[in-house]
PDB file of N, CA and C in Angstrom:
ATOM      1  N   MET A   1     -65.306 -31.374  -3.553  1.00  0.00           N
ATOM      2  CA  MET A   1     -66.741 -31.326  -3.589  1.00  0.00           C
ATOM      3  C   MET A   1     -67.279 -32.740  -3.336  1.00  0.00           C
ATOM      4  N   VAL A   2     -68.263 -32.817  -2.517  1.00  0.00           N
ATOM      5  CA  VAL A   2     -68.853 -34.100  -2.154  1.00  0.00           C
ATOM      6  C   VAL A   2     -70.068 -34.342  -3.043  1.00  0.00           C
ATOM      7  N   THR A   3     -70.218 -35.559  -3.520  1.00  0.00           N
ATOM      8  CA  THR A   3     -71.352 -35.898  -4.372  1.00  0.00           C
ATOM      9  C   THR A   3     -72.385 -36.712  -3.594  1.00  0.00           C
ATOM     10  N   LYS A   4     -73.611 -36.701  -4.101  1.00  0.00           N
ATOM     11  CA  LYS A   4     -74.680 -37.490  -3.484  1.00  0.00           C
ATOM     12  C   LYS A   4     -74.339 -38.978  -3.528  1.00  0.00           C
ATOM     13  N   LYS A   5     -73.726 -39.399  -4.624  1.00  0.00           N
ATOM     14  CA  LYS A   5     -73.345 -40.806  -4.783  1.00  0.00           C
ATOM     15  C   LYS A   5     -72.417 -41.236  -3.662  1.00  0.00           C
ATOM     16  N   ARG A   6     -71.419 -40.415  -3.346  1.00  0.00           N
ATOM     17  CA  ARG A   6     -70.457 -40.747  -2.293  1.00  0.00           C
ATOM     18  C   ARG A   6     -71.137 -40.843  -0.931  1.00  0.00           C
ATOM     19  N   VAL A   7     -71.989 -39.880  -0.622  1.00  0.00           N
ATOM     20  CA  VAL A   7     -72.668 -39.878   0.678  1.00  0.00           C
ATOM     21  C   VAL A   7     -73.579 -41.095   0.801  1.00  0.00           C
ATOM     22  N   LEU A   8     -74.335 -41.395  -0.236  1.00  0.00           N
ATOM     23  CA  LEU A   8     -75.264 -42.521  -0.199  1.00  0.00           C
ATOM     24  C   LEU A   8     -74.519 -43.852  -0.078  1.00  0.00           C
ATOM     25  N   ILE A   9     -73.493 -44.043  -0.875  1.00  0.00           N
ATOM     26  CA  ILE A   9     -72.743 -45.310  -0.841  1.00  0.00           C
ATOM     27  C   ILE A   9     -72.073 -45.495   0.513  1.00  0.00           C
ATOM     28  N   ALA A  10     -71.414 -44.463   1.018  1.00  0.00           N
ATOM     29  CA  ALA A  10     -70.717 -44.580   2.299  1.00  0.00           C
ATOM     30  C   ALA A  10     -71.696 -44.854   3.444  1.00  0.00           C
ATOM     31  N   THR A  11     -72.865 -44.225   3.412  1.00  0.00           N
ATOM     32  CA  THR A  11     -73.856 -44.446   4.468  1.00  0.00           C
ATOM     33  C   THR A  11     -74.404 -45.866   4.422  1.00  0.00           C
ATOM     34  N   VAL A  12     -74.733 -46.348   3.237  1.00  0.00           N
ATOM     35  CA  VAL A  12     -75.257 -47.717   3.106  1.00  0.00           C
ATOM     36  C   VAL A  12     -74.197 -48.742   3.491  1.00  0.00           C
ATOM     37  N   VAL A  13     -72.955 -48.522   3.088  1.00  0.00           N
ATOM     38  CA  VAL A  13     -71.875 -49.442   3.460  1.00  0.00           C
ATOM     39  C   VAL A  13     -71.685 -49.429   4.975  1.00  0.00           C
ATOM     40  N   GLY A  14     -71.768 -48.252   5.599  1.00  0.00           N
ATOM     41  CA  GLY A  14     -71.677 -48.172   7.056  1.00  0.00           C
ATOM     42  C   GLY A  14     -72.796 -48.938   7.741  1.00  0.00           C
ATOM     43  N   LEU A  15     -74.008 -48.835   7.206  1.00  0.00           N
ATOM     44  CA  LEU A  15     -75.149 -49.574   7.757  1.00  0.00           C
ATOM     45  C   LEU A  15     -74.927 -51.077   7.641  1.00  0.00           C
ATOM     46  N   LEU A  16     -74.516 -51.535   6.478  1.00  0.00           N
ATOM     47  CA  LEU A  16     -74.285 -52.968   6.273  1.00  0.00           C
ATOM     48  C   LEU A  16     -73.155 -53.490   7.159  1.00  0.00           C
ATOM     49  N   LEU A  17     -72.080 -52.731   7.270  1.00  0.00           N
ATOM     50  CA  LEU A  17     -70.977 -53.162   8.133  1.00  0.00           C
ATOM     51  C   LEU A  17     -71.363 -53.106   9.607  1.00  0.00           C
ATOM     52  N   GLY A  18     -72.268 -52.199   9.968  1.00  0.00           N
ATOM     53  CA  GLY A  18     -72.778 -52.164  11.335  1.00  0.00           C
ATOM     54  C   GLY A  18     -73.574 -53.410  11.675  1.00  0.00           C
ATOM     55  N   VAL A  19     -74.388 -53.864  10.734  1.00  0.00           N
ATOM     56  CA  VAL A  19     -75.151 -55.099  10.942  1.00  0.00           C
ATOM     57  C   VAL A  19     -74.203 -56.293  11.057  1.00  0.00           C
ATOM     58  N   ILE A  20     -73.183 -56.321  10.216  1.00  0.00           N
ATOM     59  CA  ILE A  20     -72.202 -57.413  10.275  1.00  0.00           C
ATOM     60  C   ILE A  20     -71.445 -57.371  11.599  1.00  0.00           C
ATOM     61  N   GLU A  21     -71.071 -56.173  12.049  1.00  0.00           N
ATOM     62  CA  GLU A  21     -70.368 -56.063  13.328  1.00  0.00           C
ATOM     63  C   GLU A  21     -71.259 -56.527  14.476  1.00  0.00           C
ATOM     64  N   TRP A  22     -72.531 -56.185  14.439  1.00  0.00           N
ATOM     65  CA  TRP A  22     -73.469 -56.642  15.473  1.00  0.00           C
ATOM     66  C   TRP A  22     -73.564 -58.167  15.480  1.00  0.00           C
ATOM     67  N   ALA A  23     -73.626 -58.775  14.301  1.00  0.00           N
ATOM     68  CA  ALA A  23     -73.696 -60.241  14.232  1.00  0.00           C
ATOM     69  C   ALA A  23     -72.433 -60.875  14.809  1.00  0.00           C
ATOM     70  N   ILE A  24     -71.285 -60.324  14.484  1.00  0.00           N
ATOM     71  CA  ILE A  24     -70.025 -60.853  15.021  1.00  0.00           C
ATOM     72  C   ILE A  24     -69.952 -60.635  16.524  1.00  0.00           C
ATOM     73  N   ALA A  25     -70.360 -59.468  16.985  1.00  0.00           N
ATOM     74  CA  ALA A  25     -70.315 -59.174  18.419  1.00  0.00           C
ATOM     75  C   ALA A  25     -71.263 -60.072  19.198  1.00  0.00           C
ATOM     76  N   SER A  26     -72.421 -60.368  18.634  1.00  0.00           N
ATOM     77  CA  SER A  26     -73.371 -61.217  19.357  1.00  0.00           C
ATOM     78  C   SER A  26     -72.883 -62.663  19.430  1.00  0.00           C
ATOM     79  N   MET A  27     -72.054 -63.087  18.490  1.00  0.00           N
ATOM     80  CA  MET A  27     -71.466 -64.425  18.567  1.00  0.00           C
ATOM     81  C   MET A  27     -70.282 -64.466  19.529  1.00  0.00           C
ATOM     82  N   SER A  28     -69.679 -63.306  19.793  1.00  0.00           N
ATOM     83  CA  SER A  28     -68.464 -63.252  20.601  1.00  0.00           C
ATOM     84  C   SER A  28     -68.731 -63.182  22.098  1.00  0.00           C
ATOM     85  N   VAL A  29     -69.914 -62.735  22.492  1.00  0.00           N
ATOM     86  CA  VAL A  29     -70.202 -62.582  23.917  1.00  0.00           C
ATOM     87  C   VAL A  29     -71.153 -63.677  24.375  1.00  0.00           C
ATOM     88  N   THR A  30     -71.123 -63.952  25.670  1.00  0.00           N
ATOM     89  CA  THR A  30     -71.969 -65.025  26.200  1.00  0.00           C
ATOM     90  C   THR A  30     -73.386 -64.539  26.472  1.00  0.00           C
ATOM     91  N   ALA A  31     -73.535 -63.313  26.960  1.00  0.00           N
ATOM     92  CA  ALA A  31     -74.871 -62.771  27.236  1.00  0.00           C
ATOM     93  C   ALA A  31     -75.397 -62.067  25.987  1.00  0.00           C
ATOM     94  N   PRO A  32     -76.709 -62.044  25.806  1.00  0.00           N
ATOM     95  CA  PRO A  32     -77.245 -61.335  24.641  1.00  0.00           C
ATOM     96  C   PRO A  32     -77.004 -59.823  24.739  1.00  0.00           C
ATOM     97  N   ILE A  33     -76.794 -59.205  23.602  1.00  0.00           N
ATOM     98  CA  ILE A  33     -76.576 -57.766  23.563  1.00  0.00           C
ATOM     99  C   ILE A  33     -77.937 -57.079  23.697  1.00  0.00           C
ATOM    100  N   PRO A  34     -78.079 -56.125  24.631  1.00  0.00           N
ATOM    101  CA  PRO A  34     -79.367 -55.432  24.763  1.00  0.00           C
ATOM    102  C   PRO A  34     -79.650 -54.561  23.539  1.00  0.00           C
ATOM    103  N   TRP A  35     -80.914 -54.206  23.359  1.00  0.00           N
ATOM    104  CA  TRP A  35     -81.297 -53.415  22.190  1.00  0.00           C
ATOM    105  C   TRP A  35     -80.578 -52.082  22.134  1.00  0.00           C
ATOM    106  N   SER A  36     -80.281 -51.511  23.294  1.00  0.00           N
ATOM    107  CA  SER A  36     -79.534 -50.258  23.282  1.00  0.00           C
ATOM    108  C   SER A  36     -78.138 -50.474  22.688  1.00  0.00           C
ATOM    109  N   GLY A  37     -77.537 -51.613  22.960  1.00  0.00           N
ATOM    110  CA  GLY A  37     -76.237 -51.936  22.374  1.00  0.00           C
ATOM    111  C   GLY A  37     -76.320 -52.196  20.887  1.00  0.00           C
ATOM    112  N   VAL A  38     -77.376 -52.884  20.471  1.00  0.00           N
ATOM    113  CA  VAL A  38     -77.584 -53.151  19.045  1.00  0.00           C
ATOM    114  C   VAL A  38     -77.748 -51.840  18.280  1.00  0.00           C
ATOM    115  N   CYS A  39     -78.573 -50.940  18.829  1.00  0.00           N
ATOM    116  CA  CYS A  39     -78.779 -49.641  18.180  1.00  0.00           C
ATOM    117  C   CYS A  39     -77.488 -48.825  18.150  1.00  0.00           C
ATOM    118  N   THR A  40     -76.720 -48.894  19.230  1.00  0.00           N
ATOM    119  CA  THR A  40     -75.454 -48.166  19.283  1.00  0.00           C
ATOM    120  C   THR A  40     -74.489 -48.664  18.218  1.00  0.00           C
ATOM    121  N   ILE A  41     -74.387 -49.966  18.065  1.00  0.00           N
ATOM    122  CA  ILE A  41     -73.471 -50.532  17.076  1.00  0.00           C
ATOM    123  C   ILE A  41     -73.903 -50.149  15.665  1.00  0.00           C
ATOM    124  N   ILE A  42     -75.162 -50.410  15.334  1.00  0.00           N
ATOM    125  CA  ILE A  42     -75.621 -50.192  13.957  1.00  0.00           C
ATOM    126  C   ILE A  42     -75.680 -48.710  13.614  1.00  0.00           C
ATOM    127  N   LEU A  43     -76.279 -47.903  14.491  1.00  0.00           N
ATOM    128  CA  LEU A  43     -76.368 -46.474  14.195  1.00  0.00           C
ATOM    129  C   LEU A  43     -75.004 -45.796  14.222  1.00  0.00           C
ATOM    130  N   GLY A  44     -74.127 -46.246  15.118  1.00  0.00           N
ATOM    131  CA  GLY A  44     -72.785 -45.669  15.165  1.00  0.00           C
ATOM    132  C   GLY A  44     -72.022 -45.878  13.871  1.00  0.00           C
ATOM    133  N   ARG A  45     -72.125 -47.069  13.309  1.00  0.00           N
ATOM    134  CA  ARG A  45     -71.421 -47.351  12.045  1.00  0.00           C
ATOM    135  C   ARG A  45     -72.110 -46.680  10.855  1.00  0.00           C
ATOM    136  N   THR A  46     -73.429 -46.511  10.940  1.00  0.00           N
ATOM    137  CA  THR A  46     -74.139 -45.789   9.880  1.00  0.00           C
ATOM    138  C   THR A  46     -73.738 -44.321   9.881  1.00  0.00           C
ATOM    139  N   VAL A  47     -73.676 -43.726  11.059  1.00  0.00           N
ATOM    140  CA  VAL A  47     -73.239 -42.329  11.166  1.00  0.00           C
ATOM    141  C   VAL A  47     -71.785 -42.203  10.721  1.00  0.00           C
ATOM    142  N   LEU A  48     -70.958 -43.165  11.059  1.00  0.00           N
ATOM    143  CA  LEU A  48     -69.568 -43.162  10.591  1.00  0.00           C
ATOM    144  C   LEU A  48     -69.532 -43.144   9.063  1.00  0.00           C
ATOM    145  N   GLY A  49     -70.328 -43.977   8.439  1.00  0.00           N
ATOM    146  CA  GLY A  49     -70.386 -43.986   6.982  1.00  0.00           C
ATOM    147  C   GLY A  49     -70.845 -42.650   6.417  1.00  0.00           C
ATOM    148  N   PHE A  50     -71.851 -42.049   7.039  1.00  0.00           N
ATOM    149  CA  PHE A  50     -72.343 -40.747   6.580  1.00  0.00           C
ATOM    150  C   PHE A  50     -71.256 -39.685   6.692  1.00  0.00           C
ATOM    151  N   VAL A  51     -70.558 -39.662   7.827  1.00  0.00           N
ATOM    152  CA  VAL A  51     -69.509 -38.653   8.023  1.00  0.00           C
ATOM    153  C   VAL A  51     -68.357 -38.879   7.054  1.00  0.00           C
ATOM    154  N   ILE A  52     -68.007 -40.130   6.809  1.00  0.00           N
ATOM    155  CA  ILE A  52     -66.982 -40.403   5.805  1.00  0.00           C
ATOM    156  C   ILE A  52     -67.456 -39.918   4.442  1.00  0.00           C
ATOM    157  N   GLY A  53     -68.733 -40.114   4.153  1.00  0.00           N
ATOM    158  CA  GLY A  53     -69.276 -39.672   2.874  1.00  0.00           C
ATOM    159  C   GLY A  53     -69.232 -38.167   2.685  1.00  0.00           C
ATOM    160  N   ILE A  54     -69.464 -37.410   3.758  1.00  0.00           N
ATOM    161  CA  ILE A  54     -69.484 -35.949   3.623  1.00  0.00           C
ATOM    162  C   ILE A  54     -68.131 -35.308   3.885  1.00  0.00           C
ATOM    163  N   SER A  55     -67.168 -36.088   4.350  1.00  0.00           N
ATOM    164  CA  SER A  55     -65.872 -35.492   4.684  1.00  0.00           C
ATOM    165  C   SER A  55     -65.086 -35.173   3.416  1.00  0.00           C
ATOM    166  N   ALA A  56     -64.510 -34.016   3.444  1.00  0.00           N
ATOM    167  CA  ALA A  56     -63.627 -33.585   2.361  1.00  0.00           C
ATOM    168  C   ALA A  56     -62.371 -33.020   3.003  1.00  0.00           C
ATOM    169  N   SER A  57     -61.717 -33.844   3.797  1.00  0.00           N
ATOM    170  CA  SER A  57     -60.620 -33.381   4.647  1.00  0.00           C
ATOM    171  C   SER A  57     -59.327 -33.113   3.889  1.00  0.00           C
ATOM    172  N   GLY A  58     -59.172 -33.695   2.738  1.00  0.00           N
ATOM    173  CA  GLY A  58     -57.928 -33.539   1.997  1.00  0.00           C
ATOM    174  C   GLY A  58     -56.908 -34.625   2.296  1.00  0.00           C
ATOM    175  N   MET A  59     -57.207 -35.492   3.277  1.00  0.00           N
ATOM    176  CA  MET A  59     -56.327 -36.622   3.562  1.00  0.00           C
ATOM    177  C   MET A  59     -56.515 -37.679   2.480  1.00  0.00           C
ATOM    178  N   THR A  60     -55.559 -38.592   2.386  1.00  0.00           N
ATOM    179  CA  THR A  60     -55.752 -39.722   1.488  1.00  0.00           C
ATOM    180  C   THR A  60     -56.933 -40.542   2.002  1.00  0.00           C
ATOM    181  N   TRP A  61     -57.571 -41.295   1.117  1.00  0.00           N
ATOM    182  CA  TRP A  61     -58.813 -41.979   1.484  1.00  0.00           C
ATOM    183  C   TRP A  61     -58.622 -42.948   2.629  1.00  0.00           C
ATOM    184  N   TRP A  62     -57.510 -43.693   2.635  1.00  0.00           N
ATOM    185  CA  TRP A  62     -57.313 -44.698   3.668  1.00  0.00           C
ATOM    186  C   TRP A  62     -57.057 -44.066   5.027  1.00  0.00           C
ATOM    187  N   LEU A  63     -56.322 -42.952   5.066  1.00  0.00           N
ATOM    188  CA  LEU A  63     -56.069 -42.269   6.327  1.00  0.00           C
ATOM    189  C   LEU A  63     -57.340 -41.620   6.855  1.00  0.00           C
ATOM    190  N   ASN A  64     -58.143 -41.071   5.966  1.00  0.00           N
ATOM    191  CA  ASN A  64     -59.430 -40.493   6.353  1.00  0.00           C
ATOM    192  C   ASN A  64     -60.318 -41.540   7.021  1.00  0.00           C
ATOM    193  N   GLY A  65     -60.378 -42.733   6.447  1.00  0.00           N
ATOM    194  CA  GLY A  65     -61.182 -43.805   7.032  1.00  0.00           C
ATOM    195  C   GLY A  65     -60.674 -44.236   8.394  1.00  0.00           C
ATOM    196  N   LEU A  66     -59.361 -44.353   8.537  1.00  0.00           N
ATOM    197  CA  LEU A  66     -58.781 -44.759   9.820  1.00  0.00           C
ATOM    198  C   LEU A  66     -59.017 -43.708  10.906  1.00  0.00           C
ATOM    199  N   VAL A  67     -58.780 -42.445  10.579  1.00  0.00           N
ATOM    200  CA  VAL A  67     -58.937 -41.377  11.572  1.00  0.00           C
ATOM    201  C   VAL A  67     -60.390 -41.256  12.015  1.00  0.00           C
ATOM    202  N   LEU A  68     -61.316 -41.212  11.060  1.00  0.00           N
ATOM    203  CA  LEU A  68     -62.727 -41.084  11.430  1.00  0.00           C
ATOM    204  C   LEU A  68     -63.240 -42.339  12.131  1.00  0.00           C
ATOM    205  N   GLY A  69     -62.770 -43.508  11.718  1.00  0.00           N
ATOM    206  CA  GLY A  69     -63.146 -44.738  12.392  1.00  0.00           C
ATOM    207  C   GLY A  69     -62.712 -44.739  13.846  1.00  0.00           C
ATOM    208  N   PHE A  70     -61.504 -44.250  14.117  1.00  0.00           N
ATOM    209  CA  PHE A  70     -61.004 -44.170  15.488  1.00  0.00           C
ATOM    210  C   PHE A  70     -61.827 -43.179  16.308  1.00  0.00           C
ATOM    211  N   ILE A  71     -62.038 -41.988  15.765  1.00  0.00           N
ATOM    212  CA  ILE A  71     -62.769 -40.945  16.497  1.00  0.00           C
ATOM    213  C   ILE A  71     -64.191 -41.392  16.826  1.00  0.00           C
ATOM    214  N   PHE A  72     -64.888 -41.980  15.863  1.00  0.00           N
ATOM    215  CA  PHE A  72     -66.276 -42.365  16.078  1.00  0.00           C
ATOM    216  C   PHE A  72     -66.419 -43.644  16.897  1.00  0.00           C
ATOM    217  N   SER A  73     -65.333 -44.352  17.129  1.00  0.00           N
ATOM    218  CA  SER A  73     -65.385 -45.557  17.957  1.00  0.00           C
ATOM    219  C   SER A  73     -65.099 -45.279  19.425  1.00  0.00           C
ATOM    220  N   LEU A  74     -64.534 -44.135  19.733  1.00  0.00           N
ATOM    221  CA  LEU A  74     -64.203 -43.821  21.116  1.00  0.00           C
ATOM    222  C   LEU A  74     -65.418 -43.832  22.054  1.00  0.00           C
ATOM    223  N   PRO A  75     -66.539 -43.199  21.713  1.00  0.00           N
ATOM    224  CA  PRO A  75     -67.682 -43.255  22.645  1.00  0.00           C
ATOM    225  C   PRO A  75     -68.186 -44.678  22.884  1.00  0.00           C
ATOM    226  N   THR A  76     -68.253 -45.486  21.840  1.00  0.00           N
ATOM    227  CA  THR A  76     -68.708 -46.865  21.996  1.00  0.00           C
ATOM    228  C   THR A  76     -67.701 -47.674  22.806  1.00  0.00           C
ATOM    229  N   ALA A  77     -66.417 -47.415  22.610  1.00  0.00           N
ATOM    230  CA  ALA A  77     -65.390 -48.135  23.366  1.00  0.00           C
ATOM    231  C   ALA A  77     -65.486 -47.820  24.855  1.00  0.00           C
ATOM    232  N   PHE A  78     -65.655 -46.550  25.192  1.00  0.00           N
ATOM    233  CA  PHE A  78     -65.817 -46.203  26.601  1.00  0.00           C
ATOM    234  C   PHE A  78     -67.137 -46.742  27.143  1.00  0.00           C
ATOM    235  N   GLY A  79     -68.166 -46.789  26.304  1.00  0.00           N
ATOM    236  CA  GLY A  79     -69.435 -47.381  26.721  1.00  0.00           C
ATOM    237  C   GLY A  79     -69.304 -48.857  27.035  1.00  0.00           C
ATOM    238  N   SER A  80     -68.456 -49.561  26.308  1.00  0.00           N
ATOM    239  CA  SER A  80     -68.255 -50.982  26.599  1.00  0.00           C
ATOM    240  C   SER A  80     -67.593 -51.176  27.961  1.00  0.00           C
ATOM    241  N   LEU A  81     -66.722 -50.256  28.353  1.00  0.00           N
ATOM    242  CA  LEU A  81     -66.148 -50.322  29.697  1.00  0.00           C
ATOM    243  C   LEU A  81     -67.214 -50.035  30.751  1.00  0.00           C
ATOM    244  N   TRP A  82     -68.095 -49.124  30.451  1.00  0.00           N
ATOM    245  CA  TRP A  82     -69.129 -48.726  31.400  1.00  0.00           C
ATOM    246  C   TRP A  82     -70.097 -49.866  31.701  1.00  0.00           C
ATOM    247  N   VAL A  83     -70.382 -50.702  30.699  1.00  0.00           N
ATOM    248  CA  VAL A  83     -71.304 -51.820  30.931  1.00  0.00           C
ATOM    249  C   VAL A  83     -70.608 -53.039  31.516  1.00  0.00           C
ATOM    250  N   GLY A  84     -69.326 -52.945  31.804  1.00  0.00           N
ATOM    251  CA  GLY A  84     -68.651 -54.012  32.522  1.00  0.00           C
ATOM    252  C   GLY A  84     -67.731 -54.888  31.707  1.00  0.00           C
ATOM    253  N   MET A  85     -67.522 -54.590  30.440  1.00  0.00           N
ATOM    254  CA  MET A  85     -66.569 -55.370  29.649  1.00  0.00           C
ATOM    255  C   MET A  85     -65.155 -54.925  30.020  1.00  0.00           C
ATOM    256  N   ASN A  86     -64.221 -55.811  29.886  1.00  0.00           N
ATOM    257  CA  ASN A  86     -62.832 -55.499  30.216  1.00  0.00           C
ATOM    258  C   ASN A  86     -62.173 -54.717  29.090  1.00  0.00           C
ATOM    259  N   TRP A  87     -60.912 -54.358  29.305  1.00  0.00           N
ATOM    260  CA  TRP A  87     -60.201 -53.547  28.319  1.00  0.00           C
ATOM    261  C   TRP A  87     -60.008 -54.265  26.994  1.00  0.00           C
ATOM    262  N   ILE A  88     -59.559 -55.531  27.046  1.00  0.00           N
ATOM    263  CA  ILE A  88     -59.225 -56.209  25.797  1.00  0.00           C
ATOM    264  C   ILE A  88     -60.469 -56.593  24.995  1.00  0.00           C
ATOM    265  N   PRO A  89     -61.422 -57.329  25.528  1.00  0.00           N
ATOM    266  CA  PRO A  89     -62.550 -57.674  24.662  1.00  0.00           C
ATOM    267  C   PRO A  89     -63.484 -56.498  24.409  1.00  0.00           C
ATOM    268  N   GLY A  90     -63.476 -55.501  25.261  1.00  0.00           N
ATOM    269  CA  GLY A  90     -64.405 -54.393  25.095  1.00  0.00           C
ATOM    270  C   GLY A  90     -63.791 -53.201  24.407  1.00  0.00           C
ATOM    271  N   PHE A  91     -62.961 -52.490  25.135  1.00  0.00           N
ATOM    272  CA  PHE A  91     -62.417 -51.226  24.666  1.00  0.00           C
ATOM    273  C   PHE A  91     -61.542 -51.383  23.424  1.00  0.00           C
ATOM    274  N   VAL A  92     -60.529 -52.225  23.525  1.00  0.00           N
ATOM    275  CA  VAL A  92     -59.575 -52.372  22.425  1.00  0.00           C
ATOM    276  C   VAL A  92     -60.243 -52.985  21.191  1.00  0.00           C
ATOM    277  N   ALA A  93     -61.078 -53.995  21.402  1.00  0.00           N
ATOM    278  CA  ALA A  93     -61.754 -54.625  20.260  1.00  0.00           C
ATOM    279  C   ALA A  93     -62.672 -53.641  19.540  1.00  0.00           C
ATOM    280  N   THR A  94     -63.337 -52.768  20.292  1.00  0.00           N
ATOM    281  CA  THR A  94     -64.206 -51.769  19.674  1.00  0.00           C
ATOM    282  C   THR A  94     -63.398 -50.768  18.857  1.00  0.00           C
ATOM    283  N   LEU A  95     -62.255 -50.339  19.388  1.00  0.00           N
ATOM    284  CA  LEU A  95     -61.411 -49.410  18.635  1.00  0.00           C
ATOM    285  C   LEU A  95     -60.838 -50.059  17.377  1.00  0.00           C
ATOM    286  N   VAL A  96     -60.396 -51.289  17.488  1.00  0.00           N
ATOM    287  CA  VAL A  96     -59.854 -51.987  16.321  1.00  0.00           C
ATOM    288  C   VAL A  96     -60.948 -52.186  15.269  1.00  0.00           C
ATOM    289  N   ALA A  97     -62.144 -52.546  15.726  1.00  0.00           N
ATOM    290  CA  ALA A  97     -63.262 -52.698  14.788  1.00  0.00           C
ATOM    291  C   ALA A  97     -63.590 -51.365  14.113  1.00  0.00           C
ATOM    292  N   GLY A  98     -63.534 -50.281  14.866  1.00  0.00           N
ATOM    293  CA  GLY A  98     -63.787 -48.963  14.276  1.00  0.00           C
ATOM    294  C   GLY A  98     -62.758 -48.580  13.236  1.00  0.00           C
ATOM    295  N   LEU A  99     -61.489 -48.868  13.528  1.00  0.00           N
ATOM    296  CA  LEU A  99     -60.440 -48.604  12.536  1.00  0.00           C
ATOM    297  C   LEU A  99     -60.679 -49.420  11.270  1.00  0.00           C
ATOM    298  N   ALA A 100     -60.986 -50.698  11.453  1.00  0.00           N
ATOM    299  CA  ALA A 100     -61.207 -51.580  10.303  1.00  0.00           C
ATOM    300  C   ALA A 100     -62.437 -51.150   9.501  1.00  0.00           C
ATOM    301  N   ILE A 101     -63.513 -50.817  10.194  1.00  0.00           N
ATOM    302  CA  ILE A 101     -64.748 -50.448   9.486  1.00  0.00           C
ATOM    303  C   ILE A 101     -64.593 -49.106   8.792  1.00  0.00           C
ATOM    304  N   GLY A 102     -63.931 -48.146   9.436  1.00  0.00           N
ATOM    305  CA  GLY A 102     -63.669 -46.871   8.761  1.00  0.00           C
ATOM    306  C   GLY A 102     -62.844 -47.066   7.502  1.00  0.00           C
ATOM    307  N   PHE A 103     -61.818 -47.903   7.603  1.00  0.00           N
ATOM    308  CA  PHE A 103     -60.989 -48.209   6.432  1.00  0.00           C
ATOM    309  C   PHE A 103     -61.818 -48.892   5.344  1.00  0.00           C
ATOM    310  N   LEU A 104     -62.641 -49.879   5.738  1.00  0.00           N
ATOM    311  CA  LEU A 104     -63.454 -50.607   4.746  1.00  0.00           C
ATOM    312  C   LEU A 104     -64.484 -49.716   4.072  1.00  0.00           C
ATOM    313  N   ILE A 105     -65.098 -48.816   4.832  1.00  0.00           N
ATOM    314  CA  ILE A 105     -66.077 -47.904   4.229  1.00  0.00           C
ATOM    315  C   ILE A 105     -65.390 -47.059   3.164  1.00  0.00           C
ATOM    316  N   GLU A 106     -64.235 -46.504   3.496  1.00  0.00           N
ATOM    317  CA  GLU A 106     -63.515 -45.690   2.513  1.00  0.00           C
ATOM    318  C   GLU A 106     -63.004 -46.530   1.344  1.00  0.00           C
ATOM    319  N   LEU A 107     -62.527 -47.727   1.622  1.00  0.00           N
ATOM    320  CA  LEU A 107     -62.047 -48.604   0.555  1.00  0.00           C
ATOM    321  C   LEU A 107     -63.163 -48.906  -0.440  1.00  0.00           C
ATOM    322  N   ILE A 108     -64.298 -49.324   0.079  1.00  0.00           N
ATOM    323  CA  ILE A 108     -65.417 -49.685  -0.800  1.00  0.00           C
ATOM    324  C   ILE A 108     -65.954 -48.455  -1.526  1.00  0.00           C
ATOM    325  N   THR A 109     -66.087 -47.350  -0.809  1.00  0.00           N
ATOM    326  CA  THR A 109     -66.636 -46.135  -1.422  1.00  0.00           C
ATOM    327  C   THR A 109     -65.685 -45.544  -2.451  1.00  0.00           C
ATOM    328  N   SER A 110     -64.422 -45.404  -2.082  1.00  0.00           N
ATOM    329  CA  SER A 110     -63.470 -44.691  -2.944  1.00  0.00           C
ATOM    330  C   SER A 110     -62.915 -45.529  -4.079  1.00  0.00           C
ATOM    331  N   THR A 111     -62.708 -46.821  -3.851  1.00  0.00           N
ATOM    332  CA  THR A 111     -62.074 -47.620  -4.898  1.00  0.00           C
ATOM    333  C   THR A 111     -63.060 -48.509  -5.645  1.00  0.00           C
ATOM    334  N   ALA A 112     -63.916 -49.226  -4.923  1.00  0.00           N
ATOM    335  CA  ALA A 112     -64.843 -50.139  -5.608  1.00  0.00           C
ATOM    336  C   ALA A 112     -65.907 -49.367  -6.382  1.00  0.00           C
ATOM    337  N   PHE A 113     -66.482 -48.330  -5.760  1.00  0.00           N
ATOM    338  CA  PHE A 113     -67.530 -47.550  -6.426  1.00  0.00           C
ATOM    339  C   PHE A 113     -66.996 -46.278  -7.063  1.00  0.00           C
ATOM    340  N   LYS A 114     -65.698 -46.015  -6.888  1.00  0.00           N
ATOM    341  CA  LYS A 114     -65.039 -44.838  -7.458  1.00  0.00           C
ATOM    342  C   LYS A 114     -65.778 -43.551  -7.137  1.00  0.00           C
ATOM    343  N   ALA A 115     -66.227 -43.435  -5.891  1.00  0.00           N
ATOM    344  CA  ALA A 115     -66.930 -42.224  -5.433  1.00  0.00           C
ATOM    345  C   ALA A 115     -65.993 -41.437  -4.534  1.00  0.00           C
ATOM    346  N   ARG A 116     -64.929 -40.936  -5.118  1.00  0.00           N
ATOM    347  CA  ARG A 116     -63.966 -40.155  -4.360  1.00  0.00           C
ATOM    348  C   ARG A 116     -64.446 -38.716  -4.237  1.00  0.00           C
ATOM    349  N   VAL A 117     -63.790 -37.971  -3.369  1.00  0.00           N
ATOM    350  CA  VAL A 117     -64.099 -36.550  -3.225  1.00  0.00           C
ATOM    351  C   VAL A 117     -63.587 -35.844  -4.464  1.00  0.00           C
ATOM    352  N   ALA A 118     -64.484 -35.138  -5.147  1.00  0.00           N
ATOM    353  CA  ALA A 118     -64.097 -34.420  -6.364  1.00  0.00           C
ATOM    354  C   ALA A 118     -63.500 -33.070  -5.983  1.00  0.00           C
ATOM    355  N   LEU A 119     -62.544 -32.622  -6.760  1.00  0.00           N
ATOM    356  CA  LEU A 119     -61.962 -31.319  -6.527  1.00  0.00           C
ATOM    357  C   LEU A 119     -62.947 -30.245  -6.937  1.00  0.00           C
ATOM    358  N   ALA A 120     -63.018 -29.192  -6.154  1.00  0.00           N
ATOM    359  CA  ALA A 120     -63.945 -28.092  -6.447  1.00  0.00           C
ATOM    360  C   ALA A 120     -63.438 -27.305  -7.662  1.00  0.00           C
ATOM    361  N   GLN A 121     -64.349 -26.928  -8.508  1.00  0.00           N
ATOM    362  CA  GLN A 121     -64.006 -26.141  -9.689  1.00  0.00           C
ATOM    363  C   GLN A 121     -64.206 -24.663  -9.390  1.00  0.00           C
ATOM    364  N   ALA A 122     -63.237 -23.848  -9.776  1.00  0.00           N
ATOM    365  CA  ALA A 122     -63.320 -22.407  -9.509  1.00  0.00           C
ATOM    366  C   ALA A 122     -64.085 -21.680 -10.571  1.00  0.00           C
TER     367      ALA A 122
END
């Protein structure tokens, strides 16, 4: 069973990590990131946090974060190729960041705030 606390914490952590990822990404590239890219980064990580918050997959928390982080990073990774970034700084870095952020969202939500998925009562 998913609680409101878990959904709220995971979504807020996703939003905060999205802002941090945008700040790191803007320092890493030479050209400024367009607003569409900024929105993609921040909203993508916020949605990742929300989905992690509502997921009750039955996987261990760390695997759940890694799997969802990978899945939700694929569209952004392919988008980075579309705008002209190469494989290593664009595609691979986006996937690695997604894995790390998915893991961090679950780590902070499940262990620091102890908002794990509760077992359903019959």
